[in-house]
Amino acid sequence: MKPLAFSVLLIGVVIPSVLSAEEPAQTSKTSVLLMRTGRLISGEIGESAGGYFVKNPAGNMLVPYDSVLFEAKDLHEIYVKQRNSMK
C-alpha cells in the first residue's frame, strides 16, 4: 500500500472515531427530585437501571425510583405536580 493511500485510510478511520468519542450522550439534565421524605435533591439527573443518577457539587448518588415522588426541571414544577396530585 502506498504511503499516501495508507494516510488517507488512517485519517478516514481515526478522525470519525475521535469525533464520536468527543460527543457525550446528552442523557442527563439539571433538575430536581422530591423525595418521599420531603427532601429535595437537585443536580444533573439522569436515569439508570436502578434509579436516578444524580451529579451535584456534593458528589454523585444513585436514588432508587421508589424513593422519589416527583422529578421536575425546577421547584415551581415540583409544586405544580404536587398540587395536581392532591386534586
Protein backbone atom coordinates (compact mmCIF):
# COMPACT_ATOMS: atom_id res chain seq x y z
CA MET A 1 0.00 0.00 0.00
CA LYS A 2 1.34 3.43 -0.89
CA PRO A 3 2.09 5.84 2.00
CA LEU A 4 -0.46 8.41 0.77
CA ALA A 5 -3.22 5.83 0.46
CA PHE A 6 -2.38 4.49 3.92
CA SER A 7 -2.51 8.02 5.38
CA VAL A 8 -5.90 8.71 3.80
CA LEU A 9 -7.21 5.37 5.08
CA LEU A 10 -5.84 6.06 8.55
CA ILE A 11 -7.40 9.54 8.64
CA GLY A 12 -10.71 8.12 7.40
CA VAL A 13 -10.78 5.63 10.26
CA VAL A 14 -9.25 7.64 13.13
CA ILE A 15 -10.92 11.06 12.70
CA PRO A 16 -14.55 9.82 12.83
CA SER A 17 -13.84 7.66 15.88
CA VAL A 18 -12.16 10.58 17.68
CA LEU A 19 -15.05 12.91 16.84
CA SER A 20 -17.65 10.45 18.05
CA ALA A 21 -15.73 9.96 21.31
CA GLU A 22 -15.83 13.71 21.97
CA GLU A 23 -19.63 13.91 21.75
CA PRO A 24 -21.03 12.74 25.10
CA ALA A 25 -24.57 11.45 25.20
CA GLN A 26 -27.00 14.10 26.47
CA THR A 27 -28.91 11.84 28.84
CA SER A 28 -28.74 13.96 31.96
CA LYS A 29 -30.28 17.35 32.66
CA THR A 30 -30.34 19.77 35.54
CA SER A 31 -33.48 19.14 37.52
CA VAL A 32 -34.96 18.50 40.97
CA LEU A 33 -36.18 15.35 42.73
CA LEU A 34 -38.78 15.46 45.51
CA MET A 35 -38.18 12.50 47.81
CA ARG A 36 -40.88 10.67 49.77
CA THR A 37 -39.31 12.12 52.93
CA GLY A 38 -39.89 15.68 51.66
CA ARG A 39 -36.21 16.24 50.93
CA LEU A 40 -35.25 17.95 47.67
CA ILE A 41 -32.23 16.87 45.63
CA SER A 42 -31.03 18.93 42.69
CA GLY A 43 -28.30 18.49 40.13
CA GLU A 44 -27.69 16.85 36.79
CA ILE A 45 -30.15 13.98 36.88
CA GLY A 46 -30.19 11.04 34.51
CA GLU A 47 -31.96 7.71 34.60
CA SER A 48 -30.15 4.42 35.10
CA ALA A 49 -31.24 0.83 35.67
CA GLY A 50 -31.68 1.15 39.43
CA GLY A 51 -32.95 4.71 39.74
CA TYR A 52 -31.99 8.31 39.16
CA PHE A 53 -28.25 9.06 38.91
CA VAL A 54 -27.59 12.49 40.43
CA LYS A 55 -24.43 14.55 39.91
CA ASN A 56 -24.09 17.68 42.03
CA PRO A 57 -21.31 19.56 43.86
CA ALA A 58 -21.75 17.32 46.93
CA GLY A 59 -20.97 14.22 44.85
CA ASN A 60 -22.70 11.53 42.84
CA MET A 61 -25.51 9.33 44.10
CA LEU A 62 -28.00 6.77 42.87
CA VAL A 63 -31.53 7.41 44.12
CA PRO A 64 -33.94 4.45 43.82
CA TYR A 65 -37.08 5.16 41.80
CA ASP A 66 -39.36 4.14 44.67
CA SER A 67 -37.81 6.81 46.93
CA VAL A 68 -38.88 9.63 44.57
CA LEU A 69 -42.31 11.25 44.41
CA PHE A 70 -41.67 13.66 41.53
CA GLU A 71 -38.95 14.75 39.13
CA ALA A 72 -39.15 18.22 37.59
CA LYS A 73 -37.00 20.87 35.93
CA ASP A 74 -37.36 23.32 38.84
CA LEU A 75 -39.00 23.89 42.23
CA HIS A 76 -42.09 25.54 40.71
CA GLU A 77 -42.78 22.48 38.56
CA ILE A 78 -42.42 20.25 41.65
CA TYR A 79 -45.03 22.43 43.39
CA VAL A 80 -47.41 22.17 40.42
CA LYS A 81 -47.03 18.37 40.23
CA GLN A 82 -47.59 18.02 43.97
CA ARG A 83 -50.65 20.29 43.87
CA ASN A 84 -52.14 18.41 40.90
CA SER A 85 -51.68 15.08 42.69
CA MET A 86 -53.94 16.31 45.51
CA LYS A 87 -56.94 17.04 43.28
